[in-house]
Amino acid sequence: MSKCIEIAEKPGGTGSEMIKVLFFLTHLGGGGAEMHFVRLSHELRANGVEPIFATTRGGGAYEPLLQEDVEHIVLPTGGISSGTIRLVRSITPLADLIDRLKPDILCPVLSLTTLPAIVAAKRARHPVQVILSIQNALGSQLANTKQPFRSIQEFFTEQLWRDADGVIALSQGVANEIGQRFPALRTNIKVIYNIGKPTTDELRRAAATEIFPAPPGRMVAVACGRLTKQKNYPAMFAALAQIDARKRPFLRILGTGEDRTELEHLVSELGLSDDVEFLGFRGDVLSFMGAADMFLLSSRWEGFGNVIVEAMAMETAVISTACPHGPDEIITNGVNGVLVPVEEPAQLAKAIEALMANDALREQLAKAGSERADDFNAPKIARQYAKALHDFADQKSIVGAGHAN
């Protein structure tokens, strides 16, 4: 097992001078990672870190949630619709931004942003620490990337990640995987879970928001996540199809993605058209979670599982696959949630039926889950991030400045 560093919480501020951290993302919206960093930005300044966001496009759904004192810069990439081309075109303006802002740390978020970020840091004249924020299971993500992009991404990942100054991994499983793949990084991997618990204001708004009702007389299950291979909705639908039609929960799915048409056809083929509702991307996800009887996650892989913690915070019982990585670090099976094997619809169906049949069990799991969610609150996680970022800032960069010249 790789040697990775887990950050202990340090109460209060860091006791050090303010450092400047430039977070680099594609956009501020659409997923749990982006929401995590928006929540994190609200807490960092009080802990000695000035957060700045740079993105390759604007208009993200979470932009309105940024506080006024958090700067957000949209890099000029020529108005291209292709996300890959935007990332390539972001290298020069990102290098220029590093020279202008002179951050202590450049922190690319999500795997795709790491490659242009490292190249930009090499081109910049200002020396900056490059700390990768890895938010997913790298091996699974690469294995499920289509060719030729998979080979290209694997090649450049192997070539460039070794030059990073450090890594913040959002789960121990992700940290172990990176350490095994990149031995030189092992002693500079710090494990910090994401901020999964919504803020007090978010919880208050969710409780006050009315959602349109589900069909009367039916229990409701909610699933949330992009409609992609990773989330494995076919397994969830197969599980529903194994439950007596008179007893099935009504499933509401929140999220968008390239597989939507295919998934809608599958729902029809399985005779589930009256049992599954696709709601698309919504800003009131927490309200739907709170109104549901249970939350379902059928993923093949994750990095952490922010939505698990969000559902727990809304006091909704959770059933999740024990996929790599994250769910089994959040959930203690049978105590604060239920874990089932990956790609086993029969086991998922059995777990759903068990919760539907036992009100006391659902309430017990929901209560224990709510208590577990508090371990992932914003102030606590922000203190851990601030400590890690200050520790990294005290090191000498191995990426350096001007190495691409």
Protein backbone atom coordinates (compact mmCIF):
# COMPACT_ATOMS: atom_id res chain seq x y z
CA MET A 1 0.00 0.00 0.00
CA SER A 2 1.26 3.45 -0.87
CA LYS A 3 2.37 5.76 1.87
CA CYS A 4 -0.01 8.70 1.85
CA ILE A 5 -0.49 11.50 4.32
CA GLU A 6 -3.88 12.01 5.92
CA ILE A 7 -4.39 15.53 7.18
CA ALA A 8 -5.28 15.95 10.83
CA GLU A 9 -7.65 18.78 11.59
CA LYS A 10 -6.03 21.88 13.01
CA PRO A 11 -8.40 24.17 14.91
CA GLY A 12 -8.67 27.83 14.03
CA GLY A 13 -6.41 29.60 11.55
CA THR A 14 -3.04 28.43 10.31
CA GLY A 15 -1.01 31.01 12.17
CA SER A 16 0.84 31.74 8.90
CA GLU A 17 0.71 34.61 6.44
CA MET A 18 -1.93 34.64 3.72
CA ILE A 19 -1.12 32.55 0.66
CA LYS A 20 -2.71 32.86 -2.77
CA VAL A 21 -4.11 29.75 -4.47
CA LEU A 22 -5.30 29.69 -8.09
CA PHE A 23 -7.85 26.91 -8.65
CA PHE A 24 -8.15 25.88 -12.31
CA LEU A 25 -11.36 24.21 -13.56
CA THR A 26 -13.24 23.90 -16.83
CA HIS A 27 -16.28 25.66 -15.35
CA LEU A 28 -18.10 26.25 -12.07
CA GLY A 29 -21.07 23.98 -12.37
CA GLY A 30 -22.43 20.57 -13.12
CA GLY A 31 -20.84 18.29 -10.54
CA GLY A 32 -19.91 17.52 -6.98
CA ALA A 33 -16.27 18.54 -7.39
CA GLU A 34 -17.19 22.03 -8.57
CA MET A 35 -19.70 22.47 -5.74
CA HIS A 36 -17.07 21.31 -3.25
CA PHE A 37 -14.62 24.01 -4.32
CA VAL A 38 -17.27 26.72 -4.30
CA ARG A 39 -18.16 25.74 -0.72
CA LEU A 40 -14.47 25.55 0.15
CA SER A 41 -13.83 29.07 -1.16
CA HIS A 42 -16.30 30.48 1.38
CA GLU A 43 -14.11 29.27 4.24
CA LEU A 44 -10.52 29.55 3.03
CA ARG A 45 -9.83 33.25 3.58
CA ALA A 46 -10.55 32.90 7.30
CA ASN A 47 -7.89 30.17 7.32
CA GLY A 48 -5.11 32.14 5.63
CA VAL A 49 -5.78 31.26 1.99
CA GLU A 50 -6.91 33.66 -0.75
CA PRO A 51 -8.82 31.58 -3.34
CA ILE A 52 -9.00 32.60 -7.01
CA PHE A 53 -10.81 30.64 -9.72
CA ALA A 54 -9.76 30.41 -13.37
CA THR A 55 -12.03 28.52 -15.78
CA THR A 56 -12.02 27.78 -19.49
CA ARG A 57 -15.63 28.92 -19.87
CA GLY A 58 -18.18 30.96 -17.98
CA GLY A 59 -21.86 30.53 -17.27
CA GLY A 60 -21.51 27.72 -14.73
CA ALA A 61 -24.56 27.11 -12.56
CA TYR A 62 -22.58 27.59 -9.34
CA GLU A 63 -21.10 30.99 -10.23
CA PRO A 64 -23.90 32.90 -8.43
CA LEU A 65 -22.94 31.06 -5.22
CA LEU A 66 -19.45 32.59 -5.13
CA GLN A 67 -18.93 35.24 -2.48
CA GLU A 68 -18.10 38.75 -3.67
CA ASP A 69 -14.53 38.63 -2.38
CA VAL A 70 -13.69 35.52 -4.45
CA GLU A 71 -12.25 36.42 -7.86
CA HIS A 72 -13.32 34.36 -10.88
CA ILE A 73 -11.48 34.75 -14.19
CA VAL A 74 -12.70 33.19 -17.45
CA LEU A 75 -9.66 32.51 -19.63
CA PRO A 76 -9.84 33.64 -23.28
CA THR A 77 -9.99 30.45 -25.36
CA GLY A 78 -11.54 31.75 -28.57
CA GLY A 79 -15.16 30.81 -27.95
CA ILE A 80 -14.59 27.23 -29.11
CA SER A 81 -17.34 24.75 -28.18
CA SER A 82 -14.98 21.77 -27.81
CA GLY A 83 -13.91 21.33 -24.20
CA THR A 84 -10.68 19.61 -25.24
CA ILE A 85 -9.65 22.44 -27.57
CA ARG A 86 -10.54 24.99 -24.88
CA LEU A 87 -8.19 23.23 -22.47
CA VAL A 88 -5.34 23.28 -25.01
CA ARG A 89 -5.98 26.94 -25.77
CA SER A 90 -6.03 27.77 -22.05
CA ILE A 91 -2.32 27.02 -21.60
CA THR A 92 -0.94 30.38 -22.74
CA PRO A 93 -3.52 32.59 -20.98
CA LEU A 94 -3.13 30.49 -17.82
CA ALA A 95 0.65 30.97 -17.91
CA ASP A 96 0.12 34.72 -18.38
CA LEU A 97 -2.33 34.73 -15.46
CA ILE A 98 0.22 32.99 -13.23
CA ASP A 99 2.74 35.71 -14.06
CA ARG A 100 0.20 38.46 -13.40
CA LEU A 101 -1.33 37.16 -10.16
CA LYS A 102 1.80 35.45 -8.80
CA PRO A 103 -0.03 32.75 -6.84
CA ASP A 104 1.81 30.54 -4.39
CA ILE A 105 -0.05 27.47 -5.63
CA LEU A 106 -1.76 26.43 -8.86
CA CYS A 107 -4.36 23.76 -8.11
CA PRO A 108 -5.94 22.12 -11.18
CA VAL A 109 -9.21 20.40 -10.30
CA LEU A 110 -10.22 17.15 -12.07
CA SER A 111 -7.83 15.06 -14.14
CA LEU A 112 -8.31 16.77 -17.52
CA THR A 113 -7.19 20.15 -16.20
CA THR A 114 -3.96 18.79 -14.72
CA LEU A 115 -2.14 18.46 -18.03
CA PRO A 116 -2.58 22.03 -19.34
CA ALA A 117 -1.96 23.35 -15.82
CA ILE A 118 1.45 21.66 -15.54
CA VAL A 119 2.44 22.87 -19.02
CA ALA A 120 1.30 26.42 -18.15
CA ALA A 121 3.31 26.35 -14.92
CA LYS A 122 6.40 25.30 -16.86
CA ARG A 123 5.90 28.17 -19.31
CA ALA A 124 5.23 30.83 -16.68
CA ARG A 125 8.10 32.98 -15.44
CA HIS A 126 6.69 33.09 -11.90
CA PRO A 127 7.56 29.93 -9.90
CA VAL A 128 4.41 28.27 -8.59
CA GLN A 129 3.67 25.06 -6.74
CA VAL A 130 1.45 22.72 -8.79
CA ILE A 131 -0.80 20.71 -6.49
CA LEU A 132 -3.17 18.34 -8.27
CA SER A 133 -6.69 17.90 -6.91
CA ILE A 134 -7.74 14.42 -8.03
CA GLN A 135 -11.47 13.90 -7.78
CA ASN A 136 -11.99 10.49 -9.37
CA ALA A 137 -10.58 6.97 -9.64
CA LEU A 138 -7.85 7.54 -12.23
CA GLY A 139 -7.51 3.97 -13.49
CA SER A 140 -11.24 3.49 -14.04
CA GLN A 141 -11.58 6.90 -15.64
CA LEU A 142 -8.77 6.25 -18.12
CA ALA A 143 -9.97 2.71 -18.86
CA ASN A 144 -13.37 4.07 -19.85
CA THR A 145 -12.07 6.93 -22.02
CA LYS A 146 -12.62 6.33 -25.74
CA GLN A 147 -9.68 5.90 -28.09
CA PRO A 148 -7.62 7.66 -29.33
CA PHE A 149 -8.14 10.08 -26.43
CA ARG A 150 -7.40 7.35 -23.87
CA SER A 151 -3.89 6.67 -25.22
CA ILE A 152 -3.14 10.37 -25.57
CA GLN A 153 -4.32 11.12 -22.02
CA GLU A 154 -2.45 8.14 -20.56
CA PHE A 155 0.79 9.18 -22.29
CA PHE A 156 0.70 12.79 -21.15
CA THR A 157 -0.50 11.86 -17.67
CA GLU A 158 2.49 9.54 -17.23
CA GLN A 159 4.86 12.18 -18.60
CA LEU A 160 3.57 15.23 -16.73
CA TRP A 161 2.17 14.09 -13.38
CA ARG A 162 5.63 13.07 -12.20
CA ASP A 163 6.49 16.78 -12.31
CA ALA A 164 3.71 17.79 -9.91
CA ASP A 165 4.69 19.13 -6.49
CA GLY A 166 1.94 17.25 -4.70
CA VAL A 167 -1.54 15.79 -4.78
CA ILE A 168 -4.68 16.27 -2.73
CA ALA A 169 -6.77 13.12 -3.12
CA LEU A 170 -10.38 13.13 -2.01
CA SER A 171 -10.31 9.58 -0.62
CA GLN A 172 -7.78 7.06 0.64
CA GLY A 173 -8.60 4.73 -2.23
CA VAL A 174 -7.77 7.39 -4.81
CA ALA A 175 -4.57 8.25 -2.92
CA ASN A 176 -3.43 4.63 -2.86
CA GLU A 177 -4.09 4.27 -6.59
CA ILE A 178 -2.06 7.39 -7.44
CA GLY A 179 0.77 6.35 -5.13
CA GLN A 180 1.03 2.96 -6.79
CA ARG A 181 1.05 4.50 -10.25
CA PHE A 182 3.40 7.39 -9.43
CA PRO A 183 5.85 6.25 -6.71
CA ALA A 184 7.67 9.61 -6.71
CA LEU A 185 4.50 11.30 -5.46
CA ARG A 186 3.80 8.92 -2.57
CA THR A 187 5.15 11.13 0.20
CA ASN A 188 3.40 14.20 -1.20
CA ILE A 189 -0.14 12.85 -1.38
CA LYS A 190 -2.50 14.26 1.20
CA VAL A 191 -5.97 12.80 1.73
CA ILE A 192 -8.73 15.31 2.38
CA TYR A 193 -12.37 14.41 1.90
CA ASN A 194 -14.64 16.76 0.00
CA ILE A 195 -17.11 19.10 1.67
CA GLY A 196 -20.15 16.91 1.25
CA LYS A 197 -22.41 18.48 3.84
CA PRO A 198 -24.32 21.47 2.46
CA THR A 199 -24.01 24.77 4.28
CA THR A 200 -26.61 25.88 6.80
CA ASP A 201 -28.06 28.30 4.24
CA GLU A 202 -28.28 25.55 1.61
CA LEU A 203 -30.07 23.25 4.05
CA ARG A 204 -32.44 26.02 5.07
CA ARG A 205 -33.32 26.83 1.44
CA ALA A 206 -33.80 23.14 0.65
CA ALA A 207 -36.21 22.70 3.55
CA ALA A 208 -38.22 25.74 2.44
CA THR A 209 -38.39 24.78 -1.24
CA GLU A 210 -41.51 22.98 -2.40
CA ILE A 211 -41.08 20.39 -5.14
CA PHE A 212 -43.74 18.96 -7.41
CA PRO A 213 -45.17 15.79 -5.88
CA ALA A 214 -44.52 12.23 -6.96
CA PRO A 215 -47.43 9.91 -7.79
CA PRO A 216 -49.56 9.53 -4.65
CA GLY A 217 -49.30 6.42 -2.53
CA ARG A 218 -45.82 5.45 -3.69
CA MET A 219 -42.46 5.48 -1.98
CA VAL A 220 -39.88 7.63 -3.73
CA ALA A 221 -36.23 6.90 -4.51
CA VAL A 222 -33.87 9.58 -5.82
CA ALA A 223 -30.67 9.20 -7.82
CA CYS A 224 -28.37 12.06 -8.71
CA GLY A 225 -25.47 12.15 -11.14
CA ARG A 226 -24.47 12.50 -14.75
CA LEU A 227 -26.14 10.13 -17.19
CA THR A 228 -22.94 8.33 -18.13
CA LYS A 229 -21.39 4.87 -18.02
CA GLN A 230 -19.72 5.63 -14.69
CA LYS A 231 -23.03 5.96 -12.83
CA ASN A 232 -24.34 2.62 -14.21
CA TYR A 233 -28.04 3.46 -14.33
CA PRO A 234 -28.79 0.25 -16.27
CA ALA A 235 -27.99 -1.72 -13.10
CA MET A 236 -30.39 0.49 -11.13
CA PHE A 237 -33.14 -0.03 -13.70
CA ALA A 238 -32.51 -3.78 -13.73
CA ALA A 239 -32.92 -3.79 -9.95
CA LEU A 240 -36.24 -1.94 -10.19
CA ALA A 241 -37.46 -4.39 -12.82
CA GLN A 242 -36.87 -7.26 -10.37
CA ILE A 243 -39.21 -5.70 -7.80
CA ASP A 244 -42.93 -6.47 -7.95
CA ALA A 245 -44.53 -3.74 -10.09
CA ARG A 246 -47.14 -3.16 -7.36
CA LYS A 247 -44.40 -2.39 -4.81
CA ARG A 248 -41.72 -0.57 -6.80
CA PRO A 249 -40.58 2.83 -5.59
CA PHE A 250 -40.99 5.76 -7.95
CA LEU A 251 -37.48 6.71 -9.11
CA ARG A 252 -36.54 10.33 -9.77
CA ILE A 253 -33.24 10.91 -11.56
CA LEU A 254 -31.52 14.29 -11.34
CA GLY A 255 -28.77 14.94 -13.86
CA THR A 256 -27.90 15.29 -17.53
CA GLY A 257 -25.50 13.45 -19.79
CA GLU A 258 -24.79 11.92 -23.15
CA ASP A 259 -26.52 8.62 -22.32
CA ARG A 260 -29.97 10.09 -21.64
CA THR A 261 -31.65 8.94 -24.88
CA GLU A 262 -30.22 5.44 -24.51
CA LEU A 263 -31.35 5.25 -20.87
CA GLU A 264 -34.86 6.45 -21.71
CA HIS A 265 -35.12 3.68 -24.31
CA LEU A 266 -33.93 1.13 -21.74
CA VAL A 267 -36.55 2.29 -19.24
CA SER A 268 -39.22 1.77 -21.90
CA GLU A 269 -37.91 -1.67 -22.86
CA LEU A 270 -37.97 -2.79 -19.21
CA GLY A 271 -41.56 -1.61 -18.78
CA LEU A 272 -40.55 1.07 -16.26
CA SER A 273 -41.95 4.15 -18.01
CA ASP A 274 -44.44 4.72 -15.18
CA ASP A 275 -41.75 4.17 -12.54
CA VAL A 276 -38.83 6.38 -13.64
CA GLU A 277 -38.75 10.15 -14.11
CA PHE A 278 -35.81 11.99 -15.73
CA LEU A 279 -35.68 15.52 -14.30
CA GLY A 280 -32.44 16.80 -15.85
CA PHE A 281 -30.13 19.25 -14.10
CA ARG A 282 -31.83 21.12 -11.28
CA GLY A 283 -30.76 23.64 -8.69
CA ASP A 284 -33.03 22.15 -6.02
CA VAL A 285 -31.41 18.71 -5.79
CA LEU A 286 -31.30 18.84 -1.99
CA SER A 287 -35.04 19.41 -1.81
CA PHE A 288 -35.69 16.30 -3.90
CA MET A 289 -33.28 14.32 -1.73
CA GLY A 290 -35.01 15.47 1.44
CA ALA A 291 -38.45 14.55 0.12
CA ALA A 292 -37.40 11.02 -0.90
CA ASP A 293 -37.65 7.83 1.13
CA MET A 294 -34.23 6.65 -0.03
CA PHE A 295 -31.25 7.69 -2.15
CA LEU A 296 -29.66 5.28 -4.64
CA LEU A 297 -26.16 5.24 -6.16
CA SER A 298 -25.23 2.42 -8.56
CA SER A 299 -21.83 3.67 -9.76
CA ARG A 300 -19.11 1.49 -11.25
CA TRP A 301 -16.51 3.85 -9.78
CA GLU A 302 -16.30 7.13 -7.87
CA GLY A 303 -13.64 9.31 -6.34
CA PHE A 304 -15.60 9.99 -3.16
CA GLY A 305 -19.36 10.33 -3.53
CA ASN A 306 -20.44 13.86 -2.55
CA VAL A 307 -24.06 13.01 -3.27
CA ILE A 308 -23.99 10.32 -0.60
CA VAL A 309 -23.10 12.88 2.05
CA GLU A 310 -25.64 15.37 0.70
CA ALA A 311 -28.42 12.78 0.92
CA MET A 312 -27.29 11.86 4.44
CA ALA A 313 -27.39 15.53 5.43
CA MET A 314 -30.99 15.67 4.19
CA GLU A 315 -31.76 12.73 6.53
CA THR A 316 -32.49 10.32 3.69
CA ALA A 317 -31.45 6.66 3.89
CA VAL A 318 -28.71 5.77 1.38
CA ILE A 319 -28.05 2.63 -0.65
CA SER A 320 -24.80 2.68 -2.64
CA THR A 321 -22.56 0.28 -4.48
CA ALA A 322 -19.27 -0.44 -2.72
CA CYS A 323 -17.41 0.78 -5.79
CA PRO A 324 -13.85 2.10 -5.89
CA HIS A 325 -13.40 4.59 -4.33
CA GLY A 326 -15.20 6.48 -1.56
CA PRO A 327 -18.58 4.98 -0.67
CA ASP A 328 -17.10 2.44 1.74
CA GLU A 329 -15.09 5.25 3.38
CA ILE A 330 -18.30 7.19 4.01
CA ILE A 331 -20.76 4.40 4.78
CA THR A 332 -20.50 1.78 7.50
CA ASN A 333 -22.73 -0.91 6.06
CA GLY A 334 -25.92 -1.42 8.03
CA VAL A 335 -25.09 1.43 10.42
CA ASN A 336 -25.47 4.68 8.49
CA GLY A 337 -26.31 3.32 5.05
CA VAL A 338 -26.34 0.19 2.93
CA LEU A 339 -23.55 -1.02 0.63
CA VAL A 340 -24.16 -3.51 -2.18
CA PRO A 341 -21.74 -5.09 -4.69
CA VAL A 342 -21.11 -3.38 -8.03
CA GLU A 343 -22.98 -4.78 -11.05
CA GLU A 344 -25.32 -6.95 -8.97
CA PRO A 345 -28.88 -5.69 -9.58
CA ALA A 346 -30.37 -8.53 -7.53
CA GLN A 347 -28.53 -7.34 -4.41
CA LEU A 348 -29.57 -3.75 -5.07
CA ALA A 349 -33.19 -4.84 -5.49
CA LYS A 350 -33.01 -6.79 -2.23
CA ALA A 351 -31.67 -3.73 -0.38
CA ILE A 352 -34.39 -1.49 -1.82
CA GLU A 353 -37.11 -3.94 -0.80
CA ALA A 354 -35.66 -4.23 2.70
CA LEU A 355 -35.80 -0.47 3.25
CA MET A 356 -39.27 -0.17 1.77
CA ALA A 357 -40.56 -2.84 4.13
CA ASN A 358 -39.00 -1.44 7.31
CA ASP A 359 -39.83 2.13 8.33
CA ALA A 360 -37.78 1.85 11.52
CA LEU A 361 -34.67 0.76 9.61
CA ARG A 362 -35.01 3.63 7.15
CA GLU A 363 -35.34 6.11 9.99
CA GLN A 364 -32.39 4.58 11.86
CA LEU A 365 -30.12 4.76 8.80
CA ALA A 366 -31.28 8.30 8.02
CA LYS A 367 -30.52 9.50 11.55
CA ALA A 368 -27.10 7.84 11.67
CA GLY A 369 -26.35 9.12 8.18
CA SER A 370 -27.15 12.67 9.22
CA GLU A 371 -24.65 12.37 12.06
CA ARG A 372 -22.02 10.95 9.69
CA ALA A 373 -22.56 13.83 7.24
CA ASP A 374 -21.37 16.29 9.86
CA ASP A 375 -17.86 14.82 9.52
CA PHE A 376 -17.73 16.47 6.09
CA ASN A 377 -18.78 20.01 7.05
CA ALA A 378 -17.21 23.06 5.41
CA PRO A 379 -15.33 24.61 8.37
CA LYS A 380 -13.65 21.32 9.27
CA ILE A 381 -12.61 20.42 5.72
CA ALA A 382 -11.47 24.00 5.01
CA ARG A 383 -9.09 23.90 7.99
CA GLN A 384 -7.59 20.68 6.65
CA TYR A 385 -7.20 22.20 3.18
CA ALA A 386 -5.61 25.36 4.56
CA LYS A 387 -3.07 23.35 6.54
CA ALA A 388 -2.19 21.22 3.52
CA LEU A 389 -1.91 24.22 1.19
CA HIS A 390 0.32 26.10 3.63
CA ASP A 391 2.51 23.00 4.00
CA PHE A 392 2.82 22.69 0.23
CA ALA A 393 3.54 26.42 -0.16
CA ASP A 394 6.51 26.06 2.19
CA GLN A 395 8.14 23.54 -0.16
CA LYS A 396 10.34 24.41 -3.12
CA SER A 397 8.59 23.80 -6.44
CA ILE A 398 9.96 21.04 -8.65
CA VAL A 399 7.84 22.26 -11.55
CA GLY A 400 9.50 25.66 -11.22
CA ALA A 401 9.28 28.44 -13.76
CA GLY A 402 10.29 28.48 -17.36
CA HIS A 403 11.11 24.76 -17.53
CA ALA A 404 9.43 24.48 -20.88
CA ASN A 405 11.91 26.89 -22.42
